[in-house]
Amino acid sequence: MNKGKELDLGLTGFDELFMSETERTENHLPKIHDIPLSEIDDFPDHPFKVKMNEDMAELVQSIKERGVITPIILRTKEDGRYEIVSGHRRKTASQLAGLKTVKAEIRNLTRDEAVILMVESNLQRSVILPSEKAFSYKMKLEALKRQGQRTDLTSSPVGTRLRSDELVAKNSPDGKTQIQRYIRLTELLPEILDLVDEGRIAFRPAVEISFLRKEEQENLLESIECFDATPSLAQAIKMKNFSQNGKLTAEVIESILSEEKSNQKEKVSIKTEKLRRFIPSTVPENKTEEYILKALEYYSRYIQRMKNSMER
């Protein structure tokens, strides 16, 4: 194995950041620039939210102490300014930290190439809201469809060419059918989609609700607020069927929503973002429930030991 490959396999963000430009060139790494924050624009219709929460506060403090470890990715716009492809949180944190410039890698990307890279880089986050997946998958699918009109970008041997929706699934954490369901969520009223993000409306009922006409969704939203209840999957399917037959009136929606659900039990709902700050980043998202149950079990045993020691 040659020296270049050894370096390439062992590099960390710190190693790359403090390399000279000569070393970066020798190791086939992109050039890093210090770009003024005032010359950088956000990605148009960026679907991923930049929240001013505890994680952002920690990122701001980290940047104050160590700077931006992983450079953001930019593309040059037609007017000479720059546009973020990956790194909106780092850019915002840099501004809050009082920096004037940010470390950045500049790539020569078309609009569609930038959309695809933006989506794929952000889908690596540990916590992603349903609305973020919905609009990002839609943007990527539309970009791939446009690329499909250019054989130089999507050409492949006869018999191996994939449909755009299959290409979206190929490099995504979700399968094709699940991605199609997420994209359906973009048909929801923003207020209803907020309820999905908050966990008040489950994912599958939300997909069924997305087939309702806008005025029907408005009536549903009013009923949700009035009854302080959200539809189950069975109720959402029933509403969809009434809608397809042109019979989903406000009265029908109220009647369906007021039905007692077969599994209606009092539930505790906690937003994922509130839980994640207590969970190590090394815990995969699909292991979150297992981690929480073990933590509660440990805490229960601790309380019992404390109670026993006080009774002695």
C-alpha atoms as a PDB file:
ATOM      1  CA  MET A   1       0.000   0.000   0.000  1.00  0.00           C
ATOM      2  CA  ASN A   2       1.466   3.386  -0.950  1.00  0.00           C
ATOM      3  CA  LYS A   3       1.884   6.327   1.395  1.00  0.00           C
ATOM      4  CA  GLY A   4      -0.961   8.299  -0.199  1.00  0.00           C
ATOM      5  CA  LYS A   5      -3.496   5.548   0.459  1.00  0.00           C
ATOM      6  CA  GLU A   6      -2.330   5.122   4.050  1.00  0.00           C
ATOM      7  CA  LEU A   7      -2.905   8.808   4.621  1.00  0.00           C
ATOM      8  CA  ASP A   8      -6.261   8.677   2.897  1.00  0.00           C
ATOM      9  CA  LEU A   9      -7.498   5.835   5.104  1.00  0.00           C
ATOM     10  CA  GLY A  10      -6.330   7.391   8.334  1.00  0.00           C
ATOM     11  CA  LEU A  11      -7.263  11.028   7.894  1.00  0.00           C
ATOM     12  CA  THR A  12      -9.628  12.759  10.302  1.00  0.00           C
ATOM     13  CA  GLY A  13     -11.371  16.099  10.039  1.00  0.00           C
ATOM     14  CA  PHE A  14      -8.565  17.660  12.116  1.00  0.00           C
ATOM     15  CA  ASP A  15      -5.837  16.147   9.891  1.00  0.00           C
ATOM     16  CA  GLU A  16      -7.419  17.532   6.757  1.00  0.00           C
ATOM     17  CA  LEU A  17      -8.143  20.946   8.223  1.00  0.00           C
ATOM     18  CA  PHE A  18      -4.549  21.662   9.216  1.00  0.00           C
ATOM     19  CA  MET A  19      -2.893  20.322   6.075  1.00  0.00           C
ATOM     20  CA  SER A  20      -1.038  22.703   3.812  1.00  0.00           C
ATOM     21  CA  GLU A  21      -2.401  23.127   0.285  1.00  0.00           C
ATOM     22  CA  THR A  22       0.586  21.134  -1.012  1.00  0.00           C
ATOM     23  CA  GLU A  23      -0.279  18.230   1.290  1.00  0.00           C
ATOM     24  CA  ARG A  24      -3.937  18.412   0.263  1.00  0.00           C
ATOM     25  CA  THR A  25      -2.946  18.268  -3.405  1.00  0.00           C
ATOM     26  CA  GLU A  26      -0.627  15.282  -2.794  1.00  0.00           C
ATOM     27  CA  ASN A  27      -3.464  13.411  -1.073  1.00  0.00           C
ATOM     28  CA  HIS A  28      -6.018  14.319  -3.786  1.00  0.00           C
ATOM     29  CA  LEU A  29      -8.091  16.374  -1.368  1.00  0.00           C
ATOM     30  CA  PRO A  30     -10.123  19.417  -2.475  1.00  0.00           C
ATOM     31  CA  LYS A  31      -8.813  22.885  -1.777  1.00  0.00           C
ATOM     32  CA  ILE A  32     -10.288  24.603   1.280  1.00  0.00           C
ATOM     33  CA  HIS A  33     -11.103  28.327   1.116  1.00  0.00           C
ATOM     34  CA  ASP A  34     -11.952  30.954   3.733  1.00  0.00           C
ATOM     35  CA  ILE A  35     -15.169  32.420   2.345  1.00  0.00           C
ATOM     36  CA  PRO A  36     -16.819  35.561   3.833  1.00  0.00           C
ATOM     37  CA  LEU A  37     -20.160  34.667   5.389  1.00  0.00           C
ATOM     38  CA  SER A  38     -21.625  37.801   3.810  1.00  0.00           C
ATOM     39  CA  GLU A  39     -21.097  36.261   0.347  1.00  0.00           C
ATOM     40  CA  ILE A  40     -22.948  33.003   1.084  1.00  0.00           C
ATOM     41  CA  ASP A  41     -26.654  32.429   0.388  1.00  0.00           C
ATOM     42  CA  ASP A  42     -28.844  29.601   1.662  1.00  0.00           C
ATOM     43  CA  PHE A  43     -29.968  26.864  -0.720  1.00  0.00           C
ATOM     44  CA  PRO A  44     -33.325  27.825  -2.324  1.00  0.00           C
ATOM     45  CA  ASP A  45     -36.286  26.031  -0.669  1.00  0.00           C
ATOM     46  CA  HIS A  46     -33.913  24.191   1.661  1.00  0.00           C
ATOM     47  CA  PRO A  47     -36.191  21.567   3.272  1.00  0.00           C
ATOM     48  CA  PHE A  48     -34.118  20.915   6.396  1.00  0.00           C
ATOM     49  CA  LYS A  49     -34.851  23.177   9.361  1.00  0.00           C
ATOM     50  CA  VAL A  50     -32.064  25.003  11.213  1.00  0.00           C
ATOM     51  CA  LYS A  51     -33.287  25.138  14.812  1.00  0.00           C
ATOM     52  CA  MET A  52     -32.098  27.422  17.589  1.00  0.00           C
ATOM     53  CA  ASN A  53     -31.978  24.676  20.217  1.00  0.00           C
ATOM     54  CA  GLU A  54     -29.496  23.152  22.662  1.00  0.00           C
ATOM     55  CA  ASP A  55     -27.657  21.330  19.879  1.00  0.00           C
ATOM     56  CA  MET A  56     -27.141  24.631  18.067  1.00  0.00           C
ATOM     57  CA  ALA A  57     -25.841  26.252  21.272  1.00  0.00           C
ATOM     58  CA  GLU A  58     -23.320  23.413  21.634  1.00  0.00           C
ATOM     59  CA  LEU A  59     -22.242  23.771  18.003  1.00  0.00           C
ATOM     60  CA  VAL A  60     -21.759  27.539  18.440  1.00  0.00           C
ATOM     61  CA  GLN A  61     -19.580  26.945  21.518  1.00  0.00           C
ATOM     62  CA  SER A  62     -17.567  24.275  19.692  1.00  0.00           C
ATOM     63  CA  ILE A  63     -16.921  26.639  16.769  1.00  0.00           C
ATOM     64  CA  LYS A  64     -15.860  29.405  19.166  1.00  0.00           C
ATOM     65  CA  GLU A  65     -13.320  27.055  20.712  1.00  0.00           C
ATOM     66  CA  ARG A  66     -12.098  25.041  17.716  1.00  0.00           C
ATOM     67  CA  GLY A  67     -13.508  26.658  14.575  1.00  0.00           C
ATOM     68  CA  VAL A  68     -15.380  24.758  11.843  1.00  0.00           C
ATOM     69  CA  ILE A  69     -13.810  21.281  11.731  1.00  0.00           C
ATOM     70  CA  THR A  70     -15.697  19.971   8.700  1.00  0.00           C
ATOM     71  CA  PRO A  71     -15.752  22.559   5.883  1.00  0.00           C
ATOM     72  CA  ILE A  72     -19.120  23.426   4.377  1.00  0.00           C
ATOM     73  CA  ILE A  73     -19.746  22.709   0.682  1.00  0.00           C
ATOM     74  CA  LEU A  74     -20.585  25.577  -1.668  1.00  0.00           C
ATOM     75  CA  ARG A  75     -21.335  26.083  -5.338  1.00  0.00           C
ATOM     76  CA  THR A  76     -20.686  29.289  -7.276  1.00  0.00           C
ATOM     77  CA  LYS A  77     -23.844  31.086  -8.411  1.00  0.00           C
ATOM     78  CA  GLU A  78     -24.304  32.840 -11.723  1.00  0.00           C
ATOM     79  CA  ASP A  79     -24.004  36.241 -10.002  1.00  0.00           C
ATOM     80  CA  GLY A  80     -20.631  35.341  -8.466  1.00  0.00           C
ATOM     81  CA  ARG A  81     -21.947  34.752  -4.948  1.00  0.00           C
ATOM     82  CA  TYR A  82     -21.916  31.362  -3.230  1.00  0.00           C
ATOM     83  CA  GLU A  83     -24.736  28.989  -2.331  1.00  0.00           C
ATOM     84  CA  ILE A  84     -24.643  26.391   0.457  1.00  0.00           C
ATOM     85  CA  VAL A  85     -25.026  22.804  -0.675  1.00  0.00           C
ATOM     86  CA  SER A  86     -24.150  21.223   2.677  1.00  0.00           C
ATOM     87  CA  GLY A  87     -23.572  23.028   5.969  1.00  0.00           C
ATOM     88  CA  HIS A  88     -26.502  25.348   6.778  1.00  0.00           C
ATOM     89  CA  ARG A  89     -26.199  24.634  10.532  1.00  0.00           C
ATOM     90  CA  ARG A  90     -22.441  25.261  10.461  1.00  0.00           C
ATOM     91  CA  LYS A  91     -22.944  28.535   8.601  1.00  0.00           C
ATOM     92  CA  THR A  92     -25.581  29.731  11.098  1.00  0.00           C
ATOM     93  CA  ALA A  93     -23.445  28.625  14.052  1.00  0.00           C
ATOM     94  CA  SER A  94     -20.444  30.461  12.597  1.00  0.00           C
ATOM     95  CA  GLN A  95     -22.507  33.650  12.356  1.00  0.00           C
ATOM     96  CA  LEU A  96     -23.689  33.241  15.960  1.00  0.00           C
ATOM     97  CA  ALA A  97     -20.099  32.603  17.037  1.00  0.00           C
ATOM     98  CA  GLY A  98     -19.110  35.983  15.580  1.00  0.00           C
ATOM     99  CA  LEU A  99     -16.956  34.674  12.717  1.00  0.00           C
ATOM    100  CA  LYS A 100     -16.590  36.655   9.506  1.00  0.00           C
ATOM    101  CA  THR A 101     -15.464  33.749   7.293  1.00  0.00           C
ATOM    102  CA  VAL A 102     -16.013  29.994   7.173  1.00  0.00           C
ATOM    103  CA  LYS A 103     -13.922  27.101   5.867  1.00  0.00           C
ATOM    104  CA  ALA A 104     -15.490  25.877   2.637  1.00  0.00           C
ATOM    105  CA  GLU A 105     -14.985  23.520  -0.266  1.00  0.00           C
ATOM    106  CA  ILE A 106     -16.229  24.953  -3.574  1.00  0.00           C
ATOM    107  CA  ARG A 107     -17.612  22.481  -6.102  1.00  0.00           C
ATOM    108  CA  ASN A 108     -18.588  22.992  -9.730  1.00  0.00           C
ATOM    109  CA  LEU A 109     -22.164  21.699  -9.633  1.00  0.00           C
ATOM    110  CA  THR A 110     -25.272  22.197 -11.735  1.00  0.00           C
ATOM    111  CA  ARG A 111     -28.509  23.058  -9.947  1.00  0.00           C
ATOM    112  CA  ASP A 112     -29.750  19.451 -10.123  1.00  0.00           C
ATOM    113  CA  GLU A 113     -26.420  17.997  -9.008  1.00  0.00           C
ATOM    114  CA  ALA A 114     -26.458  20.404  -6.065  1.00  0.00           C
ATOM    115  CA  VAL A 115     -30.008  19.346  -5.112  1.00  0.00           C
ATOM    116  CA  ILE A 116     -29.027  15.666  -5.088  1.00  0.00           C
ATOM    117  CA  LEU A 117     -25.890  16.268  -3.011  1.00  0.00           C
ATOM    118  CA  MET A 118     -27.764  18.572  -0.611  1.00  0.00           C
ATOM    119  CA  VAL A 119     -30.435  15.944   0.031  1.00  0.00           C
ATOM    120  CA  GLU A 120     -28.056  13.001   0.366  1.00  0.00           C
ATOM    121  CA  SER A 121     -25.746  14.829   2.787  1.00  0.00           C
ATOM    122  CA  ASN A 122     -28.618  15.960   5.025  1.00  0.00           C
ATOM    123  CA  LEU A 123     -30.265  12.527   5.104  1.00  0.00           C
ATOM    124  CA  GLN A 124     -27.291  11.372   7.198  1.00  0.00           C
ATOM    125  CA  ARG A 125     -28.645  13.289  10.209  1.00  0.00           C
ATOM    126  CA  SER A 126     -29.669  11.177  13.228  1.00  0.00           C
ATOM    127  CA  VAL A 127     -33.027  12.963  13.591  1.00  0.00           C
ATOM    128  CA  ILE A 128     -35.054  13.984  10.524  1.00  0.00           C
ATOM    129  CA  LEU A 129     -38.620  15.293  10.617  1.00  0.00           C
ATOM    130  CA  PRO A 130     -41.231  13.743   8.299  1.00  0.00           C
ATOM    131  CA  SER A 131     -41.682  17.107   6.548  1.00  0.00           C
ATOM    132  CA  GLU A 132     -37.932  17.336   5.921  1.00  0.00           C
ATOM    133  CA  LYS A 133     -37.857  13.896   4.319  1.00  0.00           C
ATOM    134  CA  ALA A 134     -41.012  14.652   2.343  1.00  0.00           C
ATOM    135  CA  PHE A 135     -39.759  17.796   0.619  1.00  0.00           C
ATOM    136  CA  SER A 136     -36.148  16.613   0.262  1.00  0.00           C
ATOM    137  CA  TYR A 137     -37.205  13.377  -1.452  1.00  0.00           C
ATOM    138  CA  LYS A 138     -39.505  15.376  -3.729  1.00  0.00           C
ATOM    139  CA  MET A 139     -36.703  17.787  -4.662  1.00  0.00           C
ATOM    140  CA  LYS A 140     -34.308  14.919  -5.361  1.00  0.00           C
ATOM    141  CA  LEU A 141     -36.870  13.021  -7.446  1.00  0.00           C
ATOM    142  CA  GLU A 142     -37.603  16.102  -9.559  1.00  0.00           C
ATOM    143  CA  ALA A 143     -33.876  16.720 -10.060  1.00  0.00           C
ATOM    144  CA  LEU A 144     -33.306  13.112 -11.147  1.00  0.00           C
ATOM    145  CA  LYS A 145     -36.234  13.315 -13.563  1.00  0.00           C
ATOM    146  CA  ARG A 146     -34.727  16.432 -15.134  1.00  0.00           C
ATOM    147  CA  GLN A 147     -31.360  14.706 -15.367  1.00  0.00           C
ATOM    148  CA  GLY A 148     -33.062  11.783 -17.076  1.00  0.00           C
ATOM    149  CA  GLN A 149     -33.608  14.064 -20.043  1.00  0.00           C
ATOM    150  CA  ARG A 150     -29.815  14.276 -20.417  1.00  0.00           C
ATOM    151  CA  THR A 151     -28.220  10.972 -21.377  1.00  0.00           C
ATOM    152  CA  ASP A 152     -24.730  12.207 -20.459  1.00  0.00           C
ATOM    153  CA  LEU A 153     -25.804  12.304 -16.804  1.00  0.00           C
ATOM    154  CA  THR A 154     -27.837   9.105 -16.478  1.00  0.00           C
ATOM    155  CA  SER A 155     -26.731   6.870 -19.315  1.00  0.00           C
ATOM    156  CA  SER A 156     -26.153   3.228 -18.422  1.00  0.00           C
ATOM    157  CA  PRO A 157     -25.872  -0.110 -20.261  1.00  0.00           C
ATOM    158  CA  VAL A 158     -29.046  -1.403 -21.911  1.00  0.00           C
ATOM    159  CA  GLY A 159     -31.205  -3.240 -19.391  1.00  0.00           C
ATOM    160  CA  THR A 160     -29.703  -1.580 -16.277  1.00  0.00           C
ATOM    161  CA  ARG A 161     -31.196   1.906 -16.530  1.00  0.00           C
ATOM    162  CA  LEU A 162     -33.207   2.730 -13.388  1.00  0.00           C
ATOM    163  CA  ARG A 163     -36.332   4.852 -13.024  1.00  0.00           C
ATOM    164  CA  SER A 164     -35.913   8.147 -11.161  1.00  0.00           C
ATOM    165  CA  ASP A 165     -37.825   6.910  -8.095  1.00  0.00           C
ATOM    166  CA  GLU A 166     -35.625   3.805  -7.986  1.00  0.00           C
ATOM    167  CA  LEU A 167     -32.526   6.019  -8.087  1.00  0.00           C
ATOM    168  CA  VAL A 168     -33.853   8.040  -5.142  1.00  0.00           C
ATOM    169  CA  ALA A 169     -34.244   4.828  -3.123  1.00  0.00           C
ATOM    170  CA  LYS A 170     -30.856   3.472  -4.184  1.00  0.00           C
ATOM    171  CA  ASN A 171     -28.920   6.007  -2.087  1.00  0.00           C
ATOM    172  CA  SER A 172     -31.512   6.618   0.630  1.00  0.00           C
ATOM    173  CA  PRO A 173     -32.321   5.091   4.044  1.00  0.00           C
ATOM    174  CA  ASP A 174     -35.892   4.352   2.865  1.00  0.00           C
ATOM    175  CA  GLY A 175     -37.242   2.018   0.204  1.00  0.00           C
ATOM    176  CA  LYS A 176     -39.070   3.149  -2.933  1.00  0.00           C
ATOM    177  CA  THR A 177     -42.572   2.612  -1.513  1.00  0.00           C
ATOM    178  CA  GLN A 178     -41.749   4.444   1.711  1.00  0.00           C
ATOM    179  CA  ILE A 179     -40.231   7.334  -0.248  1.00  0.00           C
ATOM    180  CA  GLN A 180     -43.428   7.591  -2.316  1.00  0.00           C
ATOM    181  CA  ARG A 181     -45.384   7.804   0.943  1.00  0.00           C
ATOM    182  CA  TYR A 182     -43.128  10.561   2.249  1.00  0.00           C
ATOM    183  CA  ILE A 183     -43.558  12.548  -0.964  1.00  0.00           C
ATOM    184  CA  ARG A 184     -47.353  12.276  -0.535  1.00  0.00           C
ATOM    185  CA  LEU A 185     -46.968  14.322   2.679  1.00  0.00           C
ATOM    186  CA  THR A 186     -46.085  17.371   0.567  1.00  0.00           C
ATOM    187  CA  GLU A 187     -49.785  17.450  -0.414  1.00  0.00           C
ATOM    188  CA  LEU A 188     -50.808  18.158   3.194  1.00  0.00           C
ATOM    189  CA  LEU A 189     -51.718  21.604   4.483  1.00  0.00           C
ATOM    190  CA  PRO A 190     -48.725  23.071   6.347  1.00  0.00           C
ATOM    191  CA  GLU A 191     -50.725  23.086   9.601  1.00  0.00           C
ATOM    192  CA  ILE A 192     -51.498  19.372   9.279  1.00  0.00           C
ATOM    193  CA  LEU A 193     -47.904  18.582   8.329  1.00  0.00           C
ATOM    194  CA  ASP A 194     -46.820  20.383  11.519  1.00  0.00           C
ATOM    195  CA  LEU A 195     -49.005  17.952  13.482  1.00  0.00           C
ATOM    196  CA  VAL A 196     -47.190  15.070  11.765  1.00  0.00           C
ATOM    197  CA  ASP A 197     -43.804  16.556  12.719  1.00  0.00           C
ATOM    198  CA  GLU A 198     -45.015  16.939  16.294  1.00  0.00           C
ATOM    199  CA  GLY A 199     -46.083  13.293  16.405  1.00  0.00           C
ATOM    200  CA  ARG A 200     -49.762  14.123  16.963  1.00  0.00           C
ATOM    201  CA  ILE A 201     -50.731  12.534  13.641  1.00  0.00           C
ATOM    202  CA  ALA A 202     -49.040   9.228  12.840  1.00  0.00           C
ATOM    203  CA  PHE A 203     -47.234   8.737   9.539  1.00  0.00           C
ATOM    204  CA  ARG A 204     -49.568   6.256   7.835  1.00  0.00           C
ATOM    205  CA  PRO A 205     -52.803   8.147   8.636  1.00  0.00           C
ATOM    206  CA  ALA A 206     -51.083  11.285   7.362  1.00  0.00           C
ATOM    207  CA  VAL A 207     -50.374   9.591   4.027  1.00  0.00           C
ATOM    208  CA  GLU A 208     -54.080   8.732   3.643  1.00  0.00           C
ATOM    209  CA  ILE A 209     -55.118  12.274   4.638  1.00  0.00           C
ATOM    210  CA  SER A 210     -52.857  13.652   1.894  1.00  0.00           C
ATOM    211  CA  PHE A 211     -55.361  12.352  -0.689  1.00  0.00           C
ATOM    212  CA  LEU A 212     -58.079  14.669   0.645  1.00  0.00           C
ATOM    213  CA  ARG A 213     -58.809  17.891  -1.220  1.00  0.00           C
ATOM    214  CA  LYS A 214     -57.568  21.112   0.344  1.00  0.00           C
ATOM    215  CA  GLU A 215     -61.002  22.221   1.522  1.00  0.00           C
ATOM    216  CA  GLU A 216     -61.523  18.777   3.085  1.00  0.00           C
ATOM    217  CA  GLN A 217     -58.193  19.066   4.870  1.00  0.00           C
ATOM    218  CA  GLU A 218     -59.262  22.483   6.160  1.00  0.00           C
ATOM    219  CA  ASN A 219     -62.452  20.944   7.562  1.00  0.00           C
ATOM    220  CA  LEU A 220     -60.421  18.142   9.125  1.00  0.00           C
ATOM    221  CA  LEU A 221     -58.066  20.645  10.750  1.00  0.00           C
ATOM    222  CA  GLU A 222     -61.030  22.477  12.285  1.00  0.00           C
ATOM    223  CA  SER A 223     -62.404  19.195  13.653  1.00  0.00           C
ATOM    224  CA  ILE A 224     -58.994  18.224  15.087  1.00  0.00           C
ATOM    225  CA  GLU A 225     -58.844  21.535  16.937  1.00  0.00           C
ATOM    226  CA  CYS A 226     -62.478  21.267  18.064  1.00  0.00           C
ATOM    227  CA  PHE A 227     -62.357  17.674  19.329  1.00  0.00           C
ATOM    228  CA  ASP A 228     -58.652  17.708  20.315  1.00  0.00           C
ATOM    229  CA  ALA A 229     -58.347  14.358  18.536  1.00  0.00           C
ATOM    230  CA  THR A 230     -56.490  13.107  15.471  1.00  0.00           C
ATOM    231  CA  PRO A 231     -57.547  10.333  13.078  1.00  0.00           C
ATOM    232  CA  SER A 232     -56.370   6.742  13.367  1.00  0.00           C
ATOM    233  CA  LEU A 233     -55.322   4.863  10.227  1.00  0.00           C
ATOM    234  CA  ALA A 234     -58.785   3.280   9.921  1.00  0.00           C
ATOM    235  CA  GLN A 235     -60.474   6.680  10.269  1.00  0.00           C
ATOM    236  CA  ALA A 236     -58.116   8.273   7.738  1.00  0.00           C
ATOM    237  CA  ILE A 237     -58.844   5.512   5.222  1.00  0.00           C
ATOM    238  CA  LYS A 238     -62.577   5.976   5.788  1.00  0.00           C
ATOM    239  CA  MET A 239     -62.233   9.722   5.129  1.00  0.00           C
ATOM    240  CA  LYS A 240     -60.260   9.018   1.962  1.00  0.00           C
ATOM    241  CA  ASN A 241     -62.987   6.674   0.704  1.00  0.00           C
ATOM    242  CA  PHE A 242     -65.717   9.248   1.403  1.00  0.00           C
ATOM    243  CA  SER A 243     -63.612  11.876  -0.396  1.00  0.00           C
ATOM    244  CA  GLN A 244     -63.180   9.690  -3.476  1.00  0.00           C
ATOM    245  CA  ASN A 245     -66.961   9.307  -3.619  1.00  0.00           C
ATOM    246  CA  GLY A 246     -67.464  13.058  -3.235  1.00  0.00           C
ATOM    247  CA  LYS A 247     -69.246  12.676   0.112  1.00  0.00           C
ATOM    248  CA  LEU A 248     -66.685  13.921   2.659  1.00  0.00           C
ATOM    249  CA  THR A 249     -68.502  16.877   4.198  1.00  0.00           C
ATOM    250  CA  ALA A 250     -67.503  18.685   7.389  1.00  0.00           C
ATOM    251  CA  GLU A 251     -70.290  16.789   9.191  1.00  0.00           C
ATOM    252  CA  VAL A 252     -68.968  13.424   7.989  1.00  0.00           C
ATOM    253  CA  ILE A 253     -65.463  14.330   9.150  1.00  0.00           C
ATOM    254  CA  GLU A 254     -66.797  15.259  12.605  1.00  0.00           C
ATOM    255  CA  SER A 255     -68.746  12.012  12.783  1.00  0.00           C
ATOM    256  CA  ILE A 256     -65.723   9.890  11.845  1.00  0.00           C
ATOM    257  CA  LEU A 257     -63.352  11.737  14.164  1.00  0.00           C
ATOM    258  CA  SER A 258     -65.731  11.422  17.119  1.00  0.00           C
ATOM    259  CA  GLU A 259     -65.853   7.630  16.763  1.00  0.00           C
ATOM    260  CA  GLU A 260     -64.185   5.726  19.586  1.00  0.00           C
ATOM    261  CA  LYS A 261     -61.003   4.082  18.323  1.00  0.00           C
ATOM    262  CA  SER A 262     -60.751   0.322  18.872  1.00  0.00           C
ATOM    263  CA  ASN A 263     -57.386   0.712  20.563  1.00  0.00           C
ATOM    264  CA  GLN A 264     -58.142   4.041  22.218  1.00  0.00           C
ATOM    265  CA  LYS A 265     -55.964   4.356  25.275  1.00  0.00           C
ATOM    266  CA  GLU A 266     -54.310   7.268  26.974  1.00  0.00           C
ATOM    267  CA  LYS A 267     -50.880   7.785  25.443  1.00  0.00           C
ATOM    268  CA  VAL A 268     -47.819   9.765  26.402  1.00  0.00           C
ATOM    269  CA  SER A 269     -46.303  11.668  23.505  1.00  0.00           C
ATOM    270  CA  ILE A 270     -42.783  13.115  23.693  1.00  0.00           C
ATOM    271  CA  LYS A 271     -41.094  14.887  20.798  1.00  0.00           C
ATOM    272  CA  THR A 272     -38.087  12.989  19.447  1.00  0.00           C
ATOM    273  CA  GLU A 273     -35.849  16.062  19.553  1.00  0.00           C
ATOM    274  CA  LYS A 274     -36.453  16.367  23.315  1.00  0.00           C
ATOM    275  CA  LEU A 275     -35.354  12.768  23.878  1.00  0.00           C
ATOM    276  CA  ARG A 276     -32.316  12.746  21.586  1.00  0.00           C
ATOM    277  CA  ARG A 277     -30.330  15.178  23.725  1.00  0.00           C
ATOM    278  CA  PHE A 278     -30.283  12.551  26.496  1.00  0.00           C
ATOM    279  CA  ILE A 279     -29.248   9.756  24.135  1.00  0.00           C
ATOM    280  CA  PRO A 280     -25.607   9.291  23.020  1.00  0.00           C
ATOM    281  CA  SER A 281     -24.994   9.974  19.344  1.00  0.00           C
ATOM    282  CA  THR A 282     -23.564   6.444  19.060  1.00  0.00           C
ATOM    283  CA  VAL A 283     -27.049   4.965  19.594  1.00  0.00           C
ATOM    284  CA  PRO A 284     -28.663   4.325  16.160  1.00  0.00           C
ATOM    285  CA  GLU A 285     -32.144   5.752  15.585  1.00  0.00           C
ATOM    286  CA  ASN A 286     -33.648   2.263  15.287  1.00  0.00           C
ATOM    287  CA  LYS A 287     -32.261   1.413  18.761  1.00  0.00           C
ATOM    288  CA  THR A 288     -33.721   4.501  20.456  1.00  0.00           C
ATOM    289  CA  GLU A 289     -36.723   2.716  21.999  1.00  0.00           C
ATOM    290  CA  GLU A 290     -34.518  -0.085  23.359  1.00  0.00           C
ATOM    291  CA  TYR A 291     -32.128   2.452  24.891  1.00  0.00           C
ATOM    292  CA  ILE A 292     -34.966   4.421  26.555  1.00  0.00           C
ATOM    293  CA  LEU A 293     -36.541   1.250  28.035  1.00  0.00           C
ATOM    294  CA  LYS A 294     -33.187   0.118  29.461  1.00  0.00           C
ATOM    295  CA  ALA A 295     -32.591   3.588  30.928  1.00  0.00           C
ATOM    296  CA  LEU A 296     -36.034   3.569  32.575  1.00  0.00           C
ATOM    297  CA  GLU A 297     -35.430   0.064  33.926  1.00  0.00           C
ATOM    298  CA  TYR A 298     -32.110   1.174  35.405  1.00  0.00           C
ATOM    299  CA  TYR A 299     -33.719   4.280  36.911  1.00  0.00           C
ATOM    300  CA  SER A 300     -36.538   2.187  38.415  1.00  0.00           C
ATOM    301  CA  ARG A 301     -34.018  -0.117  40.108  1.00  0.00           C
ATOM    302  CA  TYR A 302     -32.107   2.912  41.384  1.00  0.00           C
ATOM    303  CA  ILE A 303     -35.269   4.420  42.949  1.00  0.00           C
ATOM    304  CA  GLN A 304     -36.120   1.076  44.560  1.00  0.00           C
ATOM    305  CA  ARG A 305     -32.610   0.802  46.076  1.00  0.00           C
ATOM    306  CA  MET A 306     -32.895   4.333  47.427  1.00  0.00           C
ATOM    307  CA  LYS A 307     -36.306   3.518  48.929  1.00  0.00           C
ATOM    308  CA  ASN A 308     -35.002   0.328  50.547  1.00  0.00           C
ATOM    309  CA  SER A 309     -31.995   2.109  52.065  1.00  0.00           C
ATOM    310  CA  MET A 310     -34.267   4.777  53.607  1.00  0.00           C
ATOM    311  CA  GLU A 311     -36.488   2.107  55.178  1.00  0.00           C
ATOM    312  CA  ARG A 312     -33.578   0.409  56.947  1.00  0.00           C
END
